[in-house]
Amino acid sequence: MLAQIAAARKLSGEVWMILTYQVPYRDEDATLTEKKERRMQKIAEEPTPEVSVATLDSLADCLIHKADVLDHLEQEAGDSELGREVGNDR
């Protein structure tokens, strides 16, 4: 746990320095950065696939179903929490 906190602190310090002073990351490998930028540019230039209305409707229905399942699970979890709280009062 302490190592995670130390790593998060170090990372947040680096991010703060980069954003505050607008300097590049100290340990940046310029070659890797260039490769990444070329790869991202190539991806950005690719044409976007067209999506039909039927596909969007299908995806929306799927998301609605998943949201309903999550709501149901949340209610079940709330009921079991309530049951434990009532049991602890006795």
PDB file of N, CA and C in Angstrom:
ATOM      1  N   MET A   1       0.831  -1.200   0.000  1.00  0.00           N
ATOM      2  CA  MET A   1       0.000   0.000   0.000  1.00  0.00           C
ATOM      3  C   MET A   1       0.873   1.260   0.000  1.00  0.00           C
ATOM      4  N   LEU A   2       1.932   1.260   0.803  1.00  0.00           N
ATOM      5  CA  LEU A   2       2.800   2.430   0.847  1.00  0.00           C
ATOM      6  C   LEU A   2       3.500   2.661  -0.484  1.00  0.00           C
ATOM      7  N   ALA A   3       3.867   1.580  -1.164  1.00  0.00           N
ATOM      8  CA  ALA A   3       4.513   1.713  -2.466  1.00  0.00           C
ATOM      9  C   ALA A   3       3.554   2.327  -3.482  1.00  0.00           C
ATOM     10  N   GLN A   4       2.280   1.934  -3.417  1.00  0.00           N
ATOM     11  CA  GLN A   4       1.293   2.502  -4.336  1.00  0.00           C
ATOM     12  C   GLN A   4       1.115   3.996  -4.086  1.00  0.00           C
ATOM     13  N   ILE A   5       1.094   4.370  -2.825  1.00  0.00           N
ATOM     14  CA  ILE A   5       0.943   5.786  -2.475  1.00  0.00           C
ATOM     15  C   ILE A   5       2.154   6.573  -2.951  1.00  0.00           C
ATOM     16  N   ALA A   6       3.341   6.011  -2.749  1.00  0.00           N
ATOM     17  CA  ALA A   6       4.565   6.683  -3.194  1.00  0.00           C
ATOM     18  C   ALA A   6       4.591   6.840  -4.711  1.00  0.00           C
ATOM     19  N   ALA A   7       4.190   5.794  -5.419  1.00  0.00           N
ATOM     20  CA  ALA A   7       4.166   5.857  -6.884  1.00  0.00           C
ATOM     21  C   ALA A   7       3.146   6.887  -7.361  1.00  0.00           C
ATOM     22  N   ALA A   8       1.968   6.916  -6.740  1.00  0.00           N
ATOM     23  CA  ALA A   8       0.927   7.880  -7.116  1.00  0.00           C
ATOM     24  C   ALA A   8       1.403   9.307  -6.840  1.00  0.00           C
ATOM     25  N   ARG A   9       2.102   9.505  -5.717  1.00  0.00           N
ATOM     26  CA  ARG A   9       2.621  10.831  -5.379  1.00  0.00           C
ATOM     27  C   ARG A   9       3.659  11.274  -6.401  1.00  0.00           C
ATOM     28  N   LYS A  10       4.566  10.365  -6.768  1.00  0.00           N
ATOM     29  CA  LYS A  10       5.597  10.699  -7.752  1.00  0.00           C
ATOM     30  C   LYS A  10       4.963  11.035  -9.100  1.00  0.00           C
ATOM     31  N   LEU A  11       4.004  10.221  -9.519  1.00  0.00           N
ATOM     32  CA  LEU A  11       3.338  10.449 -10.796  1.00  0.00           C
ATOM     33  C   LEU A  11       2.569  11.769 -10.794  1.00  0.00           C
ATOM     34  N   SER A  12       1.857  12.047  -9.702  1.00  0.00           N
ATOM     35  CA  SER A  12       1.095  13.295  -9.643  1.00  0.00           C
ATOM     36  C   SER A  12       2.030  14.505  -9.660  1.00  0.00           C
ATOM     37  N   GLY A  13       3.213  14.384  -9.042  1.00  0.00           N
ATOM     38  CA  GLY A  13       4.206  15.459  -9.086  1.00  0.00           C
ATOM     39  C   GLY A  13       4.695  15.702 -10.500  1.00  0.00           C
ATOM     40  N   GLU A  14       4.950  14.610 -11.236  1.00  0.00           N
ATOM     41  CA  GLU A  14       5.384  14.737 -12.633  1.00  0.00           C
ATOM     42  C   GLU A  14       4.300  15.397 -13.486  1.00  0.00           C
ATOM     43  N   VAL A  15       3.061  14.965 -13.307  1.00  0.00           N
ATOM     44  CA  VAL A  15       1.948  15.537 -14.074  1.00  0.00           C
ATOM     45  C   VAL A  15       1.797  17.015 -13.752  1.00  0.00           C
ATOM     46  N   TRP A  16       1.888  17.360 -12.467  1.00  0.00           N
ATOM     47  CA  TRP A  16       1.782  18.765 -12.063  1.00  0.00           C
ATOM     48  C   TRP A  16       2.865  19.594 -12.736  1.00  0.00           C
ATOM     49  N   MET A  17       4.097  19.082 -12.734  1.00  0.00           N
ATOM     50  CA  MET A  17       5.222  19.799 -13.331  1.00  0.00           C
ATOM     51  C   MET A  17       4.999  19.998 -14.834  1.00  0.00           C
ATOM     52  N   ILE A  18       4.548  18.943 -15.508  1.00  0.00           N
ATOM     53  CA  ILE A  18       4.323  19.016 -16.951  1.00  0.00           C
ATOM     54  C   ILE A  18       3.228  20.030 -17.276  1.00  0.00           C
ATOM     55  N   LEU A  19       2.130  19.996 -16.518  1.00  0.00           N
ATOM     56  CA  LEU A  19       1.012  20.898 -16.800  1.00  0.00           C
ATOM     57  C   LEU A  19       1.311  22.334 -16.372  1.00  0.00           C
ATOM     58  N   THR A  20       1.977  22.508 -15.257  1.00  0.00           N
ATOM     59  CA  THR A  20       2.245  23.852 -14.743  1.00  0.00           C
ATOM     60  C   THR A  20       3.264  24.598 -15.601  1.00  0.00           C
ATOM     61  N   TYR A  21       4.361  23.932 -15.887  1.00  0.00           N
ATOM     62  CA  TYR A  21       5.444  24.597 -16.604  1.00  0.00           C
ATOM     63  C   TYR A  21       5.495  24.265 -18.089  1.00  0.00           C
ATOM     64  N   GLN A  22       4.572  23.444 -18.544  1.00  0.00           N
ATOM     65  CA  GLN A  22       4.478  23.040 -19.948  1.00  0.00           C
ATOM     66  C   GLN A  22       5.822  22.542 -20.482  1.00  0.00           C
ATOM     67  N   VAL A  23       6.401  21.624 -19.723  1.00  0.00           N
ATOM     68  CA  VAL A  23       7.683  21.021 -20.110  1.00  0.00           C
ATOM     69  C   VAL A  23       7.443  19.565 -20.483  1.00  0.00           C
ATOM     70  N   PRO A  24       8.279  18.997 -21.348  1.00  0.00           N
ATOM     71  CA  PRO A  24       8.117  17.579 -21.690  1.00  0.00           C
ATOM     72  C   PRO A  24       8.497  16.688 -20.503  1.00  0.00           C
ATOM     73  N   TYR A  25       7.971  15.497 -20.527  1.00  0.00           N
ATOM     74  CA  TYR A  25       8.288  14.512 -19.496  1.00  0.00           C
ATOM     75  C   TYR A  25       9.784  14.229 -19.529  1.00  0.00           C
ATOM     76  N   ARG A  26      10.425  14.235 -18.375  1.00  0.00           N
ATOM     77  CA  ARG A  26      11.885  14.108 -18.304  1.00  0.00           C
ATOM     78  C   ARG A  26      12.405  12.793 -18.869  1.00  0.00           C
ATOM     79  N   ASP A  27      11.720  11.707 -18.588  1.00  0.00           N
ATOM     80  CA  ASP A  27      12.189  10.387 -19.006  1.00  0.00           C
ATOM     81  C   ASP A  27      11.606   9.963 -20.347  1.00  0.00           C
ATOM     82  N   GLU A  28      11.133  10.923 -21.103  1.00  0.00           N
ATOM     83  CA  GLU A  28      10.506  10.616 -22.390  1.00  0.00           C
ATOM     84  C   GLU A  28      11.543  10.062 -23.380  1.00  0.00           C
ATOM     85  N   ASP A  29      11.153   9.011 -24.076  1.00  0.00           N
ATOM     86  CA  ASP A  29      11.981   8.460 -25.146  1.00  0.00           C
ATOM     87  C   ASP A  29      11.459   9.053 -26.457  1.00  0.00           C
ATOM     88  N   ALA A  30      12.244   9.943 -27.059  1.00  0.00           N
ATOM     89  CA  ALA A  30      11.799  10.688 -28.242  1.00  0.00           C
ATOM     90  C   ALA A  30      11.423   9.760 -29.394  1.00  0.00           C
ATOM     91  N   THR A  31      12.164   8.674 -29.562  1.00  0.00           N
ATOM     92  CA  THR A  31      11.858   7.749 -30.670  1.00  0.00           C
ATOM     93  C   THR A  31      10.509   7.092 -30.465  1.00  0.00           C
ATOM     94  N   LEU A  32      10.245   6.657 -29.250  1.00  0.00           N
ATOM     95  CA  LEU A  32       8.948   6.021 -28.977  1.00  0.00           C
ATOM     96  C   LEU A  32       7.802   7.018 -29.157  1.00  0.00           C
ATOM     97  N   THR A  33       8.040   8.258 -28.736  1.00  0.00           N
ATOM     98  CA  THR A  33       7.009   9.283 -28.891  1.00  0.00           C
ATOM     99  C   THR A  33       6.713   9.532 -30.364  1.00  0.00           C
ATOM    100  N   GLU A  34       7.750   9.601 -31.185  1.00  0.00           N
ATOM    101  CA  GLU A  34       7.538   9.812 -32.614  1.00  0.00           C
ATOM    102  C   GLU A  34       6.772   8.649 -33.247  1.00  0.00           C
ATOM    103  N   LYS A  35       7.127   7.416 -32.860  1.00  0.00           N
ATOM    104  CA  LYS A  35       6.411   6.244 -33.384  1.00  0.00           C
ATOM    105  C   LYS A  35       4.943   6.296 -32.988  1.00  0.00           C
ATOM    106  N   LYS A  36       4.705   6.665 -31.739  1.00  0.00           N
ATOM    107  CA  LYS A  36       3.323   6.739 -31.257  1.00  0.00           C
ATOM    108  C   LYS A  36       2.549   7.821 -32.011  1.00  0.00           C
ATOM    109  N   GLU A  37       3.161   8.974 -32.220  1.00  0.00           N
ATOM    110  CA  GLU A  37       2.480  10.054 -32.924  1.00  0.00           C
ATOM    111  C   GLU A  37       2.172   9.674 -34.373  1.00  0.00           C
ATOM    112  N   ARG A  38       3.104   8.981 -35.039  1.00  0.00           N
ATOM    113  CA  ARG A  38       2.848   8.528 -36.417  1.00  0.00           C
ATOM    114  C   ARG A  38       1.699   7.520 -36.443  1.00  0.00           C
ATOM    115  N   ARG A  39       1.702   6.590 -35.467  1.00  0.00           N
ATOM    116  CA  ARG A  39       0.640   5.583 -35.400  1.00  0.00           C
ATOM    117  C   ARG A  39      -0.717   6.243 -35.138  1.00  0.00           C
ATOM    118  N   MET A  40      -0.756   7.196 -34.220  1.00  0.00           N
ATOM    119  CA  MET A  40      -2.011   7.881 -33.912  1.00  0.00           C
ATOM    120  C   MET A  40      -2.491   8.724 -35.093  1.00  0.00           C
ATOM    121  N   GLN A  41      -1.572   9.344 -35.821  1.00  0.00           N
ATOM    122  CA  GLN A  41      -1.945  10.129 -36.997  1.00  0.00           C
ATOM    123  C   GLN A  41      -2.546   9.222 -38.064  1.00  0.00           C
ATOM    124  N   LYS A  42      -1.945   8.049 -38.246  1.00  0.00           N
ATOM    125  CA  LYS A  42      -2.461   7.095 -39.234  1.00  0.00           C
ATOM    126  C   LYS A  42      -3.879   6.651 -38.858  1.00  0.00           C
ATOM    127  N   ILE A  43      -4.092   6.385 -37.575  1.00  0.00           N
ATOM    128  CA  ILE A  43      -5.418   5.985 -37.113  1.00  0.00           C
ATOM    129  C   ILE A  43      -6.417   7.121 -37.322  1.00  0.00           C
ATOM    130  N   ALA A  44      -5.988   8.360 -37.037  1.00  0.00           N
ATOM    131  CA  ALA A  44      -6.880   9.516 -37.175  1.00  0.00           C
ATOM    132  C   ALA A  44      -7.286   9.762 -38.627  1.00  0.00           C
ATOM    133  N   GLU A  45      -6.415   9.387 -39.559  1.00  0.00           N
ATOM    134  CA  GLU A  45      -6.705   9.608 -40.977  1.00  0.00           C
ATOM    135  C   GLU A  45      -7.584   8.520 -41.584  1.00  0.00           C
ATOM    136  N   GLU A  46      -7.751   7.402 -40.874  1.00  0.00           N
ATOM    137  CA  GLU A  46      -8.574   6.314 -41.411  1.00  0.00           C
ATOM    138  C   GLU A  46     -10.033   6.754 -41.480  1.00  0.00           C
ATOM    139  N   PRO A  47     -10.738   6.344 -42.513  1.00  0.00           N
ATOM    140  CA  PRO A  47     -12.155   6.729 -42.609  1.00  0.00           C
ATOM    141  C   PRO A  47     -12.977   6.049 -41.502  1.00  0.00           C
ATOM    142  N   THR A  48     -13.960   6.763 -41.045  1.00  0.00           N
ATOM    143  CA  THR A  48     -14.827   6.220 -40.006  1.00  0.00           C
ATOM    144  C   THR A  48     -15.872   5.311 -40.620  1.00  0.00           C
ATOM    145  N   PRO A  49     -16.076   4.143 -40.042  1.00  0.00           N
ATOM    146  CA  PRO A  49     -17.093   3.252 -40.611  1.00  0.00           C
ATOM    147  C   PRO A  49     -18.494   3.834 -40.409  1.00  0.00           C
ATOM    148  N   GLU A  50     -19.334   3.622 -41.398  1.00  0.00           N
ATOM    149  CA  GLU A  50     -20.709   4.099 -41.287  1.00  0.00           C
ATOM    150  C   GLU A  50     -21.524   3.116 -40.455  1.00  0.00           C
ATOM    151  N   VAL A  51     -22.388   3.659 -39.638  1.00  0.00           N
ATOM    152  CA  VAL A  51     -23.226   2.845 -38.763  1.00  0.00           C
ATOM    153  C   VAL A  51     -24.680   3.092 -39.129  1.00  0.00           C
ATOM    154  N   SER A  52     -25.426   2.006 -39.293  1.00  0.00           N
ATOM    155  CA  SER A  52     -26.827   2.156 -39.682  1.00  0.00           C
ATOM    156  C   SER A  52     -27.690   2.483 -38.465  1.00  0.00           C
ATOM    157  N   VAL A  53     -28.867   2.984 -38.753  1.00  0.00           N
ATOM    158  CA  VAL A  53     -29.822   3.305 -37.695  1.00  0.00           C
ATOM    159  C   VAL A  53     -30.221   2.028 -36.958  1.00  0.00           C
ATOM    160  N   ALA A  54     -30.365   0.928 -37.679  1.00  0.00           N
ATOM    161  CA  ALA A  54     -30.743  -0.344 -37.055  1.00  0.00           C
ATOM    162  C   ALA A  54     -29.677  -0.791 -36.061  1.00  0.00           C
ATOM    163  N   THR A  55     -28.414  -0.613 -36.424  1.00  0.00           N
ATOM    164  CA  THR A  55     -27.331  -0.975 -35.515  1.00  0.00           C
ATOM    165  C   THR A  55     -27.361  -0.110 -34.266  1.00  0.00           C
ATOM    166  N   LEU A  56     -27.591   1.190 -34.450  1.00  0.00           N
ATOM    167  CA  LEU A  56     -27.671   2.086 -33.294  1.00  0.00           C
ATOM    168  C   LEU A  56     -28.838   1.720 -32.390  1.00  0.00           C
ATOM    169  N   ASP A  57     -29.990   1.387 -32.986  1.00  0.00           N
ATOM    170  CA  ASP A  57     -31.138   0.972 -32.192  1.00  0.00           C
ATOM    171  C   ASP A  57     -30.831  -0.300 -31.407  1.00  0.00           C
ATOM    172  N   SER A  58     -30.161  -1.232 -32.044  1.00  0.00           N
ATOM    173  CA  SER A  58     -29.793  -2.483 -31.391  1.00  0.00           C
ATOM    174  C   SER A  58     -28.847  -2.229 -30.217  1.00  0.00           C
ATOM    175  N   LEU A  59     -27.869  -1.373 -30.435  1.00  0.00           N
ATOM    176  CA  LEU A  59     -26.940  -1.041 -29.356  1.00  0.00           C
ATOM    177  C   LEU A  59     -27.647  -0.329 -28.204  1.00  0.00           C
ATOM    178  N   ALA A  60     -28.582   0.559 -28.540  1.00  0.00           N
ATOM    179  CA  ALA A  60     -29.334   1.268 -27.501  1.00  0.00           C
ATOM    180  C   ALA A  60     -30.166   0.292 -26.674  1.00  0.00           C
ATOM    181  N   ASP A  61     -30.815  -0.654 -27.329  1.00  0.00           N
ATOM    182  CA  ASP A  61     -31.594  -1.665 -26.605  1.00  0.00           C
ATOM    183  C   ASP A  61     -30.706  -2.483 -25.676  1.00  0.00           C
ATOM    184  N   CYS A  62     -29.523  -2.836 -26.161  1.00  0.00           N
ATOM    185  CA  CYS A  62     -28.574  -3.612 -25.367  1.00  0.00           C
ATOM    186  C   CYS A  62     -28.155  -2.823 -24.118  1.00  0.00           C
ATOM    187  N   LEU A  63     -27.879  -1.535 -24.309  1.00  0.00           N
ATOM    188  CA  LEU A  63     -27.481  -0.703 -23.175  1.00  0.00           C
ATOM    189  C   LEU A  63     -28.611  -0.543 -22.168  1.00  0.00           C
ATOM    190  N   ILE A  64     -29.825  -0.395 -22.664  1.00  0.00           N
ATOM    191  CA  ILE A  64     -30.976  -0.275 -21.766  1.00  0.00           C
ATOM    192  C   ILE A  64     -31.132  -1.546 -20.946  1.00  0.00           C
ATOM    193  N   HIS A  65     -30.985  -2.694 -21.585  1.00  0.00           N
ATOM    194  CA  HIS A  65     -31.082  -3.972 -20.878  1.00  0.00           C
ATOM    195  C   HIS A  65     -29.993  -4.078 -19.810  1.00  0.00           C
ATOM    196  N   LYS A  66     -28.774  -3.706 -20.162  1.00  0.00           N
ATOM    197  CA  LYS A  66     -27.677  -3.790 -19.191  1.00  0.00           C
ATOM    198  C   LYS A  66     -27.916  -2.831 -18.029  1.00  0.00           C
ATOM    199  N   ALA A  67     -28.458  -1.662 -18.302  1.00  0.00           N
ATOM    200  CA  ALA A  67     -28.758  -0.708 -17.232  1.00  0.00           C
ATOM    201  C   ALA A  67     -29.830  -1.269 -16.310  1.00  0.00           C
ATOM    202  N   ASP A  68     -30.830  -1.937 -16.884  1.00  0.00           N
ATOM    203  CA  ASP A  68     -31.872  -2.557 -16.063  1.00  0.00           C
ATOM    204  C   ASP A  68     -31.286  -3.639 -15.160  1.00  0.00           C
ATOM    205  N   VAL A  69     -30.381  -4.446 -15.712  1.00  0.00           N
ATOM    206  CA  VAL A  69     -29.738  -5.500 -14.915  1.00  0.00           C
ATOM    207  C   VAL A  69     -28.945  -4.880 -13.775  1.00  0.00           C
ATOM    208  N   LEU A  70     -28.186  -3.813 -14.069  1.00  0.00           N
ATOM    209  CA  LEU A  70     -27.410  -3.154 -13.027  1.00  0.00           C
ATOM    210  C   LEU A  70     -28.302  -2.557 -11.948  1.00  0.00           C
ATOM    211  N   ASP A  71     -29.421  -1.961 -12.350  1.00  0.00           N
ATOM    212  CA  ASP A  71     -30.369  -1.427 -11.367  1.00  0.00           C
ATOM    213  C   ASP A  71     -30.896  -2.533 -10.475  1.00  0.00           C
ATOM    214  N   HIS A  72     -31.229  -3.669 -11.083  1.00  0.00           N
ATOM    215  CA  HIS A  72     -31.732  -4.810 -10.320  1.00  0.00           C
ATOM    216  C   HIS A  72     -30.676  -5.297  -9.327  1.00  0.00           C
ATOM    217  N   LEU A  73     -29.441  -5.414  -9.765  1.00  0.00           N
ATOM    218  CA  LEU A  73     -28.362  -5.867  -8.881  1.00  0.00           C
ATOM    219  C   LEU A  73     -28.123  -4.870  -7.758  1.00  0.00           C
ATOM    220  N   GLU A  74     -28.226  -3.586  -8.072  1.00  0.00           N
ATOM    221  CA  GLU A  74     -28.049  -2.561  -7.051  1.00  0.00           C
ATOM    222  C   GLU A  74     -29.149  -2.649  -6.004  1.00  0.00           C
ATOM    223  N   GLN A  75     -30.381  -2.899  -6.448  1.00  0.00           N
ATOM    224  CA  GLN A  75     -31.491  -3.045  -5.512  1.00  0.00           C
ATOM    225  C   GLN A  75     -31.291  -4.269  -4.624  1.00  0.00           C
ATOM    226  N   GLU A  76     -30.839  -5.386  -5.232  1.00  0.00           N
ATOM    227  CA  GLU A  76     -30.571  -6.591  -4.444  1.00  0.00           C
ATOM    228  C   GLU A  76     -29.480  -6.337  -3.423  1.00  0.00           C
ATOM    229  N   ALA A  77     -28.439  -5.642  -3.821  1.00  0.00           N
ATOM    230  CA  ALA A  77     -27.342  -5.339  -2.898  1.00  0.00           C
ATOM    231  C   ALA A  77     -27.845  -4.433  -1.781  1.00  0.00           C
ATOM    232  N   GLY A  78     -28.689  -3.467  -2.124  1.00  0.00           N
ATOM    233  CA  GLY A  78     -29.260  -2.583  -1.115  1.00  0.00           C
ATOM    234  C   GLY A  78     -30.132  -3.344  -0.134  1.00  0.00           C
ATOM    235  N   ASP A  79     -30.914  -4.308  -0.646  1.00  0.00           N
ATOM    236  CA  ASP A  79     -31.763  -5.113   0.224  1.00  0.00           C
ATOM    237  C   ASP A  79     -30.919  -5.955   1.173  1.00  0.00           C
ATOM    238  N   SER A  80     -29.823  -6.529   0.670  1.00  0.00           N
ATOM    239  CA  SER A  80     -28.986  -7.360   1.533  1.00  0.00           C
ATOM    240  C   SER A  80     -28.259  -6.492   2.548  1.00  0.00           C
ATOM    241  N   GLU A  81     -27.872  -5.276   2.185  1.00  0.00           N
ATOM    242  CA  GLU A  81     -27.251  -4.350   3.134  1.00  0.00           C
ATOM    243  C   GLU A  81     -28.255  -3.998   4.224  1.00  0.00           C
ATOM    244  N   LEU A  82     -29.490  -3.750   3.819  1.00  0.00           N
ATOM    245  CA  LEU A  82     -30.529  -3.407   4.774  1.00  0.00           C
ATOM    246  C   LEU A  82     -30.764  -4.567   5.720  1.00  0.00           C
ATOM    247  N   GLY A  83     -30.758  -5.786   5.177  1.00  0.00           N
ATOM    248  CA  GLY A  83     -30.950  -6.966   6.006  1.00  0.00           C
ATOM    249  C   GLY A  83     -29.840  -7.115   7.027  1.00  0.00           C
ATOM    250  N   ARG A  84     -28.617  -6.822   6.652  1.00  0.00           N
ATOM    251  CA  ARG A  84     -27.503  -6.913   7.589  1.00  0.00           C
ATOM    252  C   ARG A  84     -27.607  -5.844   8.651  1.00  0.00           C
ATOM    253  N   GLU A  85     -28.029  -4.629   8.247  1.00  0.00           N
ATOM    254  CA  GLU A  85     -28.160  -3.549   9.219  1.00  0.00           C
ATOM    255  C   GLU A  85     -29.239  -3.894  10.238  1.00  0.00           C
ATOM    256  N   VAL A  86     -30.356  -4.455   9.780  1.00  0.00           N
ATOM    257  CA  VAL A  86     -31.429  -4.828  10.691  1.00  0.00           C
ATOM    258  C   VAL A  86     -30.939  -5.929  11.622  1.00  0.00           C
ATOM    259  N   GLY A  87     -30.197  -6.894  11.079  1.00  0.00           N
ATOM    260  CA  GLY A  87     -29.669  -7.978  11.896  1.00  0.00           C
ATOM    261  C   GLY A  87     -28.691  -7.499  12.935  1.00  0.00           C
ATOM    262  N   ASN A  88     -27.941  -6.445  12.641  1.00  0.00           N
ATOM    263  CA  ASN A  88     -26.955  -5.927  13.589  1.00  0.00           C
ATOM    264  C   ASN A  88     -27.615  -5.154  14.730  1.00  0.00           C
ATOM    265  N   ASP A  89     -28.840  -4.653  14.513  1.00  0.00           N
ATOM    266  CA  ASP A  89     -29.515  -3.893  15.547  1.00  0.00           C
ATOM    267  C   ASP A  89     -30.031  -4.773  16.673  1.00  0.00           C
ATOM    268  N   ARG A  90     -30.160  -6.063  16.414  1.00  0.00           N
ATOM    269  CA  ARG A  90     -30.740  -6.938  17.422  1.00  0.00           C
ATOM    270  C   ARG A  90     -29.788  -7.267  18.508  1.00  0.00           C
TER     271      ARG A  90
END
